[in-house]
Amino acid sequence: MDLAAWLDKLNAATLPALGHSRDRLLALCADENVGMARIVETIEEDLGLTVRLLRHINGLSHKHLKSEVTTVTHGQMMLGLNQLQRLPEGLPTVEELEPQARLRLLQNFSQCYQAAHLADTIARRRSDMEPGELFMAALLRDLGRVLLCLHAPEKMAELEALIAQQEREPEEAEYVVFGFGIDELTHALVEAWGLPSLVADSLSGENAANNRIYGVMLASQLTHASRRGWYRAETLELLEQLADHLLLSLEQTIALVHADAVEAARATAFYGIRPVAAELVTNAIEVEETATQKP
């Protein structure tokens, strides 16, 4: 299947939500005195609910929208409690998937949220006027990868094995397995689903000169790198780039990123999976043991 065929297949796909998030959202919407920040938090912690909200809002007639909706906060203000209560209707849940598919999807949800949380932290450190937009761009930046893990698990396993062999760069391996880059698929889905244009902008290296977009790129790249190892040369190089971006020392930046990963893990503890933040200690022990074994 080429890119057009995959887009045609996935264009009609629905991303599942977590039953926990769905039930919490319904309970919150039933409370007339609820703080809207709690509703926003519940939706943002669930990629399935977030995509449903943005697809619904940005799919409305353009005559009702003066500009695209780029954050959950903006979207929930437009819908109101009654419509938010209906948001999960007809949406499948992650819990309905078979165990292996559920685990893969939750791992991807976790990675997306970790990247978004870090992008938000970076944006706030740089006093960005709309950090929520960068949170959303990072959260959705791996949308194509998430959908492929759900609808093409064998090919994604083949891709991961090829990358693990370290004989090909990830982008090259994607072309070998799929015939196109996964970012190309994400870009196409963003346009087809009416998702924020900042997501598409963050997929092009040509936009790295834009400081806002560069922060999203670093957050995403660091999240991917940390899953391969917190103390690898690749991760350290990205941390050095982030330190320059934030005008911090490397030590301050490492402390910031590690603390941020722990915060993201706590926020999504209800996923019920081992977060990448847990590897901070494991990886550190492995590095120390390797160092002590050297002659």
C-alpha atoms as a PDB file:
ATOM      1  CA  MET A   1       0.000   0.000   0.000  1.00  0.00           C
ATOM      2  CA  ASP A   2       1.253   3.456  -0.867  1.00  0.00           C
ATOM      3  CA  LEU A   3       0.715   6.655   1.115  1.00  0.00           C
ATOM      4  CA  ALA A   4      -2.572   7.462  -0.629  1.00  0.00           C
ATOM      5  CA  ALA A   5      -3.938   3.998   0.141  1.00  0.00           C
ATOM      6  CA  TRP A   6      -2.955   4.218   3.806  1.00  0.00           C
ATOM      7  CA  LEU A   7      -4.498   7.666   4.073  1.00  0.00           C
ATOM      8  CA  ASP A   8      -7.710   6.345   2.539  1.00  0.00           C
ATOM      9  CA  LYS A   9      -7.749   3.461   5.026  1.00  0.00           C
ATOM     10  CA  LEU A  10      -6.940   5.516   8.104  1.00  0.00           C
ATOM     11  CA  ASN A  11      -9.058   8.518   7.194  1.00  0.00           C
ATOM     12  CA  ALA A  12     -12.128   6.634   8.389  1.00  0.00           C
ATOM     13  CA  ALA A  13     -10.358   5.210  11.456  1.00  0.00           C
ATOM     14  CA  THR A  14     -11.388   6.116  14.996  1.00  0.00           C
ATOM     15  CA  LEU A  15      -8.810   6.401  17.722  1.00  0.00           C
ATOM     16  CA  PRO A  16     -10.020   4.690  20.932  1.00  0.00           C
ATOM     17  CA  ALA A  17     -10.271   6.548  24.217  1.00  0.00           C
ATOM     18  CA  LEU A  18      -9.568   5.247  27.696  1.00  0.00           C
ATOM     19  CA  GLY A  19     -12.611   4.086  29.637  1.00  0.00           C
ATOM     20  CA  HIS A  20     -11.200   5.862  32.714  1.00  0.00           C
ATOM     21  CA  SER A  21     -11.056   9.187  30.865  1.00  0.00           C
ATOM     22  CA  ARG A  22     -14.489   8.741  29.305  1.00  0.00           C
ATOM     23  CA  ASP A  23     -16.110   8.011  32.671  1.00  0.00           C
ATOM     24  CA  ARG A  24     -14.296  10.900  34.367  1.00  0.00           C
ATOM     25  CA  LEU A  25     -15.321  13.313  31.608  1.00  0.00           C
ATOM     26  CA  LEU A  26     -18.979  12.310  31.900  1.00  0.00           C
ATOM     27  CA  ALA A  27     -18.877  12.707  35.680  1.00  0.00           C
ATOM     28  CA  LEU A  28     -17.246  16.126  35.447  1.00  0.00           C
ATOM     29  CA  CYS A  29     -19.704  17.372  32.827  1.00  0.00           C
ATOM     30  CA  ALA A  30     -22.596  16.309  35.059  1.00  0.00           C
ATOM     31  CA  ASP A  31     -21.326  18.690  37.753  1.00  0.00           C
ATOM     32  CA  GLU A  32     -22.506  22.230  37.001  1.00  0.00           C
ATOM     33  CA  ASN A  33     -19.931  23.636  39.431  1.00  0.00           C
ATOM     34  CA  VAL A  34     -16.948  21.864  37.895  1.00  0.00           C
ATOM     35  CA  GLY A  35     -13.854  23.877  37.049  1.00  0.00           C
ATOM     36  CA  MET A  36     -13.238  23.790  33.301  1.00  0.00           C
ATOM     37  CA  ALA A  37      -9.523  23.240  33.888  1.00  0.00           C
ATOM     38  CA  ARG A  38     -10.311  19.739  35.196  1.00  0.00           C
ATOM     39  CA  ILE A  39     -12.224  18.917  32.020  1.00  0.00           C
ATOM     40  CA  VAL A  40      -9.371  20.195  29.855  1.00  0.00           C
ATOM     41  CA  GLU A  41      -6.887  18.125  31.844  1.00  0.00           C
ATOM     42  CA  THR A  42      -9.000  14.979  31.449  1.00  0.00           C
ATOM     43  CA  ILE A  43      -9.259  15.384  27.673  1.00  0.00           C
ATOM     44  CA  GLU A  44      -5.592  16.287  27.188  1.00  0.00           C
ATOM     45  CA  GLU A  45      -4.481  13.170  29.076  1.00  0.00           C
ATOM     46  CA  ASP A  46      -6.330  11.017  26.534  1.00  0.00           C
ATOM     47  CA  LEU A  47      -5.197  11.178  22.908  1.00  0.00           C
ATOM     48  CA  GLY A  48      -8.410   9.546  21.698  1.00  0.00           C
ATOM     49  CA  LEU A  49     -10.640  12.157  23.338  1.00  0.00           C
ATOM     50  CA  THR A  50      -8.379  14.982  22.184  1.00  0.00           C
ATOM     51  CA  VAL A  51      -8.504  13.891  18.546  1.00  0.00           C
ATOM     52  CA  ARG A  52     -12.281  13.418  18.745  1.00  0.00           C
ATOM     53  CA  LEU A  53     -12.720  16.954  20.129  1.00  0.00           C
ATOM     54  CA  LEU A  54     -10.509  18.663  17.548  1.00  0.00           C
ATOM     55  CA  ARG A  55     -11.930  16.707  14.610  1.00  0.00           C
ATOM     56  CA  HIS A  56     -15.437  17.599  15.713  1.00  0.00           C
ATOM     57  CA  ILE A  57     -14.733  21.297  16.312  1.00  0.00           C
ATOM     58  CA  ASN A  58     -12.633  21.900  13.209  1.00  0.00           C
ATOM     59  CA  GLY A  59     -15.111  19.898  11.147  1.00  0.00           C
ATOM     60  CA  LEU A  60     -17.843  22.453  11.802  1.00  0.00           C
ATOM     61  CA  SER A  61     -18.901  24.745   8.997  1.00  0.00           C
ATOM     62  CA  HIS A  62     -16.256  27.399   8.403  1.00  0.00           C
ATOM     63  CA  LYS A  63     -18.909  30.097   8.680  1.00  0.00           C
ATOM     64  CA  HIS A  64     -19.043  29.345  12.404  1.00  0.00           C
ATOM     65  CA  LEU A  65     -15.262  29.459  12.868  1.00  0.00           C
ATOM     66  CA  LYS A  66     -13.187  32.603  12.462  1.00  0.00           C
ATOM     67  CA  SER A  67      -9.974  30.637  12.947  1.00  0.00           C
ATOM     68  CA  GLU A  68      -8.854  27.065  13.607  1.00  0.00           C
ATOM     69  CA  VAL A  69      -9.154  25.640  17.106  1.00  0.00           C
ATOM     70  CA  THR A  70      -5.654  24.869  18.318  1.00  0.00           C
ATOM     71  CA  THR A  71      -6.152  23.852  21.956  1.00  0.00           C
ATOM     72  CA  VAL A  72      -8.524  21.770  24.060  1.00  0.00           C
ATOM     73  CA  THR A  73      -9.213  24.838  26.202  1.00  0.00           C
ATOM     74  CA  HIS A  74     -10.527  26.740  23.189  1.00  0.00           C
ATOM     75  CA  GLY A  75     -12.490  23.715  21.968  1.00  0.00           C
ATOM     76  CA  GLN A  76     -14.297  23.003  25.229  1.00  0.00           C
ATOM     77  CA  MET A  77     -15.286  26.669  25.557  1.00  0.00           C
ATOM     78  CA  MET A  78     -16.982  26.469  22.160  1.00  0.00           C
ATOM     79  CA  LEU A  79     -18.863  23.260  22.936  1.00  0.00           C
ATOM     80  CA  GLY A  80     -20.072  23.722  26.481  1.00  0.00           C
ATOM     81  CA  LEU A  81     -20.904  21.011  29.026  1.00  0.00           C
ATOM     82  CA  ASN A  82     -23.881  19.489  27.221  1.00  0.00           C
ATOM     83  CA  GLN A  83     -21.975  18.839  24.004  1.00  0.00           C
ATOM     84  CA  LEU A  84     -18.860  17.733  25.891  1.00  0.00           C
ATOM     85  CA  GLN A  85     -20.958  15.037  27.567  1.00  0.00           C
ATOM     86  CA  ARG A  86     -21.730  13.635  24.121  1.00  0.00           C
ATOM     87  CA  LEU A  87     -18.112  13.757  22.971  1.00  0.00           C
ATOM     88  CA  PRO A  88     -17.322  10.068  23.784  1.00  0.00           C
ATOM     89  CA  GLU A  89     -20.522   8.738  22.153  1.00  0.00           C
ATOM     90  CA  GLY A  90     -19.750   5.887  19.773  1.00  0.00           C
ATOM     91  CA  LEU A  91     -16.038   6.068  20.599  1.00  0.00           C
ATOM     92  CA  PRO A  92     -14.434   2.643  21.217  1.00  0.00           C
ATOM     93  CA  THR A  93     -12.299   2.224  24.322  1.00  0.00           C
ATOM     94  CA  VAL A  94      -8.732   1.021  24.666  1.00  0.00           C
ATOM     95  CA  GLU A  95      -9.951  -1.623  27.102  1.00  0.00           C
ATOM     96  CA  GLU A  96     -11.852  -3.342  24.276  1.00  0.00           C
ATOM     97  CA  LEU A  97      -8.602  -4.168  22.454  1.00  0.00           C
ATOM     98  CA  GLU A  98      -6.803  -7.467  22.856  1.00  0.00           C
ATOM     99  CA  PRO A  99      -3.969  -7.279  25.440  1.00  0.00           C
ATOM    100  CA  GLN A 100      -1.006  -6.801  23.095  1.00  0.00           C
ATOM    101  CA  ALA A 101      -2.762  -4.177  20.991  1.00  0.00           C
ATOM    102  CA  ARG A 102      -3.857  -2.400  24.164  1.00  0.00           C
ATOM    103  CA  LEU A 103      -0.303  -2.337  25.513  1.00  0.00           C
ATOM    104  CA  ARG A 104       1.108  -0.986  22.237  1.00  0.00           C
ATOM    105  CA  LEU A 105      -1.492   1.749  22.091  1.00  0.00           C
ATOM    106  CA  LEU A 106      -1.011   2.787  25.714  1.00  0.00           C
ATOM    107  CA  GLN A 107       2.750   2.956  25.213  1.00  0.00           C
ATOM    108  CA  ASN A 108       2.184   5.266  22.271  1.00  0.00           C
ATOM    109  CA  PHE A 109      -0.345   7.354  24.199  1.00  0.00           C
ATOM    110  CA  SER A 110       2.214   7.662  26.988  1.00  0.00           C
ATOM    111  CA  GLN A 111       4.963   8.748  24.606  1.00  0.00           C
ATOM    112  CA  CYS A 112       2.721  11.363  22.991  1.00  0.00           C
ATOM    113  CA  TYR A 113       1.714  12.793  26.357  1.00  0.00           C
ATOM    114  CA  GLN A 114       5.309  12.874  27.611  1.00  0.00           C
ATOM    115  CA  ALA A 115       6.360  14.851  24.519  1.00  0.00           C
ATOM    116  CA  ALA A 116       3.420  17.237  24.925  1.00  0.00           C
ATOM    117  CA  HIS A 117       4.130  17.786  28.619  1.00  0.00           C
ATOM    118  CA  LEU A 118       7.765  18.600  27.838  1.00  0.00           C
ATOM    119  CA  ALA A 119       6.795  20.917  24.969  1.00  0.00           C
ATOM    120  CA  ASP A 120       4.508  22.784  27.364  1.00  0.00           C
ATOM    121  CA  THR A 121       7.314  23.077  29.929  1.00  0.00           C
ATOM    122  CA  ILE A 122       9.720  24.367  27.275  1.00  0.00           C
ATOM    123  CA  ALA A 123       7.147  26.878  26.068  1.00  0.00           C
ATOM    124  CA  ARG A 124       6.536  28.200  29.587  1.00  0.00           C
ATOM    125  CA  ARG A 125      10.272  28.489  30.267  1.00  0.00           C
ATOM    126  CA  ARG A 126      10.464  30.676  27.152  1.00  0.00           C
ATOM    127  CA  SER A 127       7.400  32.698  28.250  1.00  0.00           C
ATOM    128  CA  ASP A 128       5.369  31.633  25.222  1.00  0.00           C
ATOM    129  CA  MET A 129       2.012  33.393  24.954  1.00  0.00           C
ATOM    130  CA  GLU A 130       0.131  30.187  24.012  1.00  0.00           C
ATOM    131  CA  PRO A 131       1.923  27.145  25.486  1.00  0.00           C
ATOM    132  CA  GLY A 132      -1.235  25.074  24.972  1.00  0.00           C
ATOM    133  CA  GLU A 133      -0.745  25.290  21.212  1.00  0.00           C
ATOM    134  CA  LEU A 134       2.711  23.741  21.525  1.00  0.00           C
ATOM    135  CA  PHE A 135       1.419  21.089  23.917  1.00  0.00           C
ATOM    136  CA  MET A 136      -1.127  20.132  21.252  1.00  0.00           C
ATOM    137  CA  ALA A 137       1.399  20.154  18.408  1.00  0.00           C
ATOM    138  CA  ALA A 138       3.674  17.754  20.299  1.00  0.00           C
ATOM    139  CA  LEU A 139       0.760  15.560  21.423  1.00  0.00           C
ATOM    140  CA  LEU A 140      -0.430  15.029  17.830  1.00  0.00           C
ATOM    141  CA  ARG A 141       2.968  14.954  16.137  1.00  0.00           C
ATOM    142  CA  ASP A 142       3.116  11.140  16.215  1.00  0.00           C
ATOM    143  CA  LEU A 143      -0.478  10.590  15.121  1.00  0.00           C
ATOM    144  CA  GLY A 144       0.503   8.553  12.062  1.00  0.00           C
ATOM    145  CA  ARG A 145       2.734   6.307  14.161  1.00  0.00           C
ATOM    146  CA  VAL A 146      -0.033   5.738  16.714  1.00  0.00           C
ATOM    147  CA  LEU A 147      -2.558   4.730  14.053  1.00  0.00           C
ATOM    148  CA  LEU A 148      -0.076   2.429  12.307  1.00  0.00           C
ATOM    149  CA  CYS A 149       0.707   0.692  15.596  1.00  0.00           C
ATOM    150  CA  LEU A 150      -3.021   0.006  15.848  1.00  0.00           C
ATOM    151  CA  HIS A 151      -3.737  -0.940  12.233  1.00  0.00           C
ATOM    152  CA  ALA A 152      -0.380  -2.299  11.031  1.00  0.00           C
ATOM    153  CA  PRO A 153       1.293  -3.875  14.088  1.00  0.00           C
ATOM    154  CA  GLU A 154       3.297  -6.414  12.045  1.00  0.00           C
ATOM    155  CA  LYS A 155       4.827  -3.719   9.860  1.00  0.00           C
ATOM    156  CA  MET A 156       5.586  -1.547  12.873  1.00  0.00           C
ATOM    157  CA  ALA A 157       7.329  -4.504  14.520  1.00  0.00           C
ATOM    158  CA  GLU A 158       9.333  -4.958  11.327  1.00  0.00           C
ATOM    159  CA  LEU A 159      10.242  -1.265  11.401  1.00  0.00           C
ATOM    160  CA  GLU A 160      11.359  -1.390  15.041  1.00  0.00           C
ATOM    161  CA  ALA A 161      13.485  -4.471  14.363  1.00  0.00           C
ATOM    162  CA  LEU A 162      15.169  -2.750  11.425  1.00  0.00           C
ATOM    163  CA  ILE A 163      15.937   0.338  13.494  1.00  0.00           C
ATOM    164  CA  ALA A 164      17.216  -1.807  16.373  1.00  0.00           C
ATOM    165  CA  GLN A 165      19.788  -3.351  14.047  1.00  0.00           C
ATOM    166  CA  GLN A 166      21.239   0.179  13.769  1.00  0.00           C
ATOM    167  CA  GLU A 167      21.997  -0.379  10.106  1.00  0.00           C
ATOM    168  CA  ARG A 168      19.550   2.289   8.922  1.00  0.00           C
ATOM    169  CA  GLU A 169      18.369   5.641  10.182  1.00  0.00           C
ATOM    170  CA  PRO A 170      14.711   5.624  11.353  1.00  0.00           C
ATOM    171  CA  GLU A 171      13.519   7.717   8.388  1.00  0.00           C
ATOM    172  CA  GLU A 172      15.282   5.434   5.921  1.00  0.00           C
ATOM    173  CA  ALA A 173      13.867   2.350   7.639  1.00  0.00           C
ATOM    174  CA  GLU A 174      10.346   3.791   7.299  1.00  0.00           C
ATOM    175  CA  TYR A 175      10.767   4.022   3.532  1.00  0.00           C
ATOM    176  CA  VAL A 176      12.059   0.458   3.400  1.00  0.00           C
ATOM    177  CA  VAL A 177       9.039  -0.892   5.317  1.00  0.00           C
ATOM    178  CA  PHE A 178       6.232   1.404   4.162  1.00  0.00           C
ATOM    179  CA  GLY A 179       7.525   3.173   1.083  1.00  0.00           C
ATOM    180  CA  PHE A 180       6.993   6.570   2.697  1.00  0.00           C
ATOM    181  CA  GLY A 181       7.920   8.478   5.843  1.00  0.00           C
ATOM    182  CA  ILE A 182       5.519   8.249   8.771  1.00  0.00           C
ATOM    183  CA  ASP A 183       5.657  12.023   9.174  1.00  0.00           C
ATOM    184  CA  GLU A 184       4.237  12.265   5.639  1.00  0.00           C
ATOM    185  CA  LEU A 185       1.268  10.194   6.760  1.00  0.00           C
ATOM    186  CA  THR A 186       0.790  12.354   9.848  1.00  0.00           C
ATOM    187  CA  HIS A 187       0.917  15.496   7.707  1.00  0.00           C
ATOM    188  CA  ALA A 188      -1.753  14.085   5.396  1.00  0.00           C
ATOM    189  CA  LEU A 189      -3.974  13.093   8.342  1.00  0.00           C
ATOM    190  CA  VAL A 190      -3.621  16.528   9.916  1.00  0.00           C
ATOM    191  CA  GLU A 191      -4.909  18.112   6.721  1.00  0.00           C
ATOM    192  CA  ALA A 192      -7.673  15.527   6.197  1.00  0.00           C
ATOM    193  CA  TRP A 193      -8.940  15.782   9.787  1.00  0.00           C
ATOM    194  CA  GLY A 194      -8.652  19.552  10.108  1.00  0.00           C
ATOM    195  CA  LEU A 195      -6.174  19.361  12.987  1.00  0.00           C
ATOM    196  CA  PRO A 196      -4.061  22.387  14.015  1.00  0.00           C
ATOM    197  CA  SER A 197      -1.679  23.507  11.265  1.00  0.00           C
ATOM    198  CA  LEU A 198       1.093  23.882  13.847  1.00  0.00           C
ATOM    199  CA  VAL A 199       1.252  20.076  13.996  1.00  0.00           C
ATOM    200  CA  ALA A 200       2.056  19.906  10.286  1.00  0.00           C
ATOM    201  CA  ASP A 201       4.531  22.781  10.617  1.00  0.00           C
ATOM    202  CA  SER A 202       6.434  20.888  13.322  1.00  0.00           C
ATOM    203  CA  LEU A 203       7.000  17.953  10.961  1.00  0.00           C
ATOM    204  CA  SER A 204       9.216  19.924   8.585  1.00  0.00           C
ATOM    205  CA  GLY A 205      12.849  20.508   9.471  1.00  0.00           C
ATOM    206  CA  GLU A 206      12.716  23.678   7.389  1.00  0.00           C
ATOM    207  CA  ASN A 207      10.684  25.274  10.195  1.00  0.00           C
ATOM    208  CA  ALA A 208      13.320  24.688  12.888  1.00  0.00           C
ATOM    209  CA  ALA A 209      14.330  28.360  12.658  1.00  0.00           C
ATOM    210  CA  ASN A 210      10.997  29.157  14.304  1.00  0.00           C
ATOM    211  CA  ASN A 211      11.701  28.982  18.042  1.00  0.00           C
ATOM    212  CA  ARG A 212       8.186  27.827  18.925  1.00  0.00           C
ATOM    213  CA  ILE A 213       8.277  24.966  16.448  1.00  0.00           C
ATOM    214  CA  TYR A 214      11.863  24.105  17.370  1.00  0.00           C
ATOM    215  CA  GLY A 215      10.754  23.562  20.971  1.00  0.00           C
ATOM    216  CA  VAL A 216       8.100  21.099  19.804  1.00  0.00           C
ATOM    217  CA  MET A 217      10.671  19.271  17.669  1.00  0.00           C
ATOM    218  CA  LEU A 218      13.118  18.983  20.573  1.00  0.00           C
ATOM    219  CA  ALA A 219      10.418  17.740  22.929  1.00  0.00           C
ATOM    220  CA  SER A 220       9.362  15.041  20.465  1.00  0.00           C
ATOM    221  CA  GLN A 221      12.908  14.006  19.581  1.00  0.00           C
ATOM    222  CA  LEU A 222      13.950  13.850  23.242  1.00  0.00           C
ATOM    223  CA  THR A 223      10.955  11.689  24.077  1.00  0.00           C
ATOM    224  CA  HIS A 224      11.827   9.221  21.324  1.00  0.00           C
ATOM    225  CA  ALA A 225      15.493   9.233  22.349  1.00  0.00           C
ATOM    226  CA  SER A 226      14.722   8.709  26.046  1.00  0.00           C
ATOM    227  CA  ARG A 227      12.769   5.563  25.191  1.00  0.00           C
ATOM    228  CA  ARG A 228      15.912   4.186  23.575  1.00  0.00           C
ATOM    229  CA  GLY A 229      17.946   5.184  26.647  1.00  0.00           C
ATOM    230  CA  TRP A 230      18.220   8.202  28.923  1.00  0.00           C
ATOM    231  CA  TYR A 231      22.016   8.139  28.982  1.00  0.00           C
ATOM    232  CA  ARG A 232      22.860   7.412  25.345  1.00  0.00           C
ATOM    233  CA  ALA A 233      24.921   9.833  23.255  1.00  0.00           C
ATOM    234  CA  GLU A 234      21.861  10.651  21.130  1.00  0.00           C
ATOM    235  CA  THR A 235      19.873  11.762  24.176  1.00  0.00           C
ATOM    236  CA  LEU A 236      22.768  13.785  25.585  1.00  0.00           C
ATOM    237  CA  GLU A 237      23.205  15.617  22.275  1.00  0.00           C
ATOM    238  CA  LEU A 238      19.530  16.593  22.248  1.00  0.00           C
ATOM    239  CA  LEU A 239      19.760  17.733  25.869  1.00  0.00           C
ATOM    240  CA  GLU A 240      22.678  19.980  24.904  1.00  0.00           C
ATOM    241  CA  GLN A 241      20.584  21.477  22.101  1.00  0.00           C
ATOM    242  CA  LEU A 242      17.723  22.072  24.518  1.00  0.00           C
ATOM    243  CA  ALA A 243      20.090  23.704  27.014  1.00  0.00           C
ATOM    244  CA  ASP A 244      21.123  26.191  24.328  1.00  0.00           C
ATOM    245  CA  HIS A 245      17.478  26.771  23.419  1.00  0.00           C
ATOM    246  CA  LEU A 246      16.529  27.503  27.048  1.00  0.00           C
ATOM    247  CA  LEU A 247      19.749  29.337  27.922  1.00  0.00           C
ATOM    248  CA  LEU A 248      20.370  26.914  30.780  1.00  0.00           C
ATOM    249  CA  SER A 249      23.354  24.825  31.790  1.00  0.00           C
ATOM    250  CA  LEU A 250      23.379  21.193  30.718  1.00  0.00           C
ATOM    251  CA  GLU A 251      22.966  20.099  34.343  1.00  0.00           C
ATOM    252  CA  GLN A 252      19.923  22.352  34.801  1.00  0.00           C
ATOM    253  CA  THR A 253      18.407  21.071  31.577  1.00  0.00           C
ATOM    254  CA  ILE A 254      18.881  17.422  32.492  1.00  0.00           C
ATOM    255  CA  ALA A 255      17.247  18.041  35.882  1.00  0.00           C
ATOM    256  CA  LEU A 256      14.363  19.868  34.168  1.00  0.00           C
ATOM    257  CA  VAL A 257      13.719  17.120  31.606  1.00  0.00           C
ATOM    258  CA  HIS A 258      13.960  14.299  34.141  1.00  0.00           C
ATOM    259  CA  ALA A 259      11.570  16.056  36.535  1.00  0.00           C
ATOM    260  CA  ASP A 260       9.188  16.749  33.664  1.00  0.00           C
ATOM    261  CA  ALA A 261       9.134  13.072  32.660  1.00  0.00           C
ATOM    262  CA  VAL A 262       8.263  12.106  36.225  1.00  0.00           C
ATOM    263  CA  GLU A 263       5.428  14.664  36.310  1.00  0.00           C
ATOM    264  CA  ALA A 264       4.044  13.344  33.015  1.00  0.00           C
ATOM    265  CA  ALA A 265       4.209   9.777  34.358  1.00  0.00           C
ATOM    266  CA  ARG A 266       2.292  10.758  37.492  1.00  0.00           C
ATOM    267  CA  ALA A 267      -0.411  12.492  35.454  1.00  0.00           C
ATOM    268  CA  THR A 268      -0.977   9.381  33.352  1.00  0.00           C
ATOM    269  CA  ALA A 269      -0.442   6.726  36.035  1.00  0.00           C
ATOM    270  CA  PHE A 270      -3.985   5.508  35.284  1.00  0.00           C
ATOM    271  CA  TYR A 271      -2.673   4.118  31.968  1.00  0.00           C
ATOM    272  CA  GLY A 272      -1.437   1.199  34.048  1.00  0.00           C
ATOM    273  CA  ILE A 273       1.853   0.744  32.175  1.00  0.00           C
ATOM    274  CA  ARG A 274       5.497   1.234  33.077  1.00  0.00           C
ATOM    275  CA  PRO A 275       6.401   4.837  32.113  1.00  0.00           C
ATOM    276  CA  VAL A 276       9.672   5.754  30.479  1.00  0.00           C
ATOM    277  CA  ALA A 277      10.497   7.844  33.567  1.00  0.00           C
ATOM    278  CA  ALA A 278      10.918   4.557  35.454  1.00  0.00           C
ATOM    279  CA  GLU A 279      13.907   3.838  33.236  1.00  0.00           C
ATOM    280  CA  LEU A 280      15.799   6.819  34.653  1.00  0.00           C
ATOM    281  CA  VAL A 281      16.979   4.721  37.595  1.00  0.00           C
ATOM    282  CA  THR A 282      17.350   1.478  35.602  1.00  0.00           C
ATOM    283  CA  ASN A 283      19.401   3.130  32.872  1.00  0.00           C
ATOM    284  CA  ALA A 284      21.568   4.929  35.420  1.00  0.00           C
ATOM    285  CA  ILE A 285      22.392   1.648  37.153  1.00  0.00           C
ATOM    286  CA  GLU A 286      23.247   0.031  33.813  1.00  0.00           C
ATOM    287  CA  VAL A 287      25.548   2.925  32.898  1.00  0.00           C
ATOM    288  CA  GLU A 288      27.272   2.767  36.281  1.00  0.00           C
ATOM    289  CA  GLU A 289      27.748  -1.008  36.048  1.00  0.00           C
ATOM    290  CA  THR A 290      29.197  -0.696  32.552  1.00  0.00           C
ATOM    291  CA  ALA A 291      31.605   1.972  33.744  1.00  0.00           C
ATOM    292  CA  THR A 292      32.829  -0.109  36.694  1.00  0.00           C
ATOM    293  CA  GLN A 293      33.407  -3.135  34.455  1.00  0.00           C
ATOM    294  CA  LYS A 294      35.833  -1.241  32.204  1.00  0.00           C
ATOM    295  CA  PRO A 295      39.502  -2.048  32.878  1.00  0.00           C
END
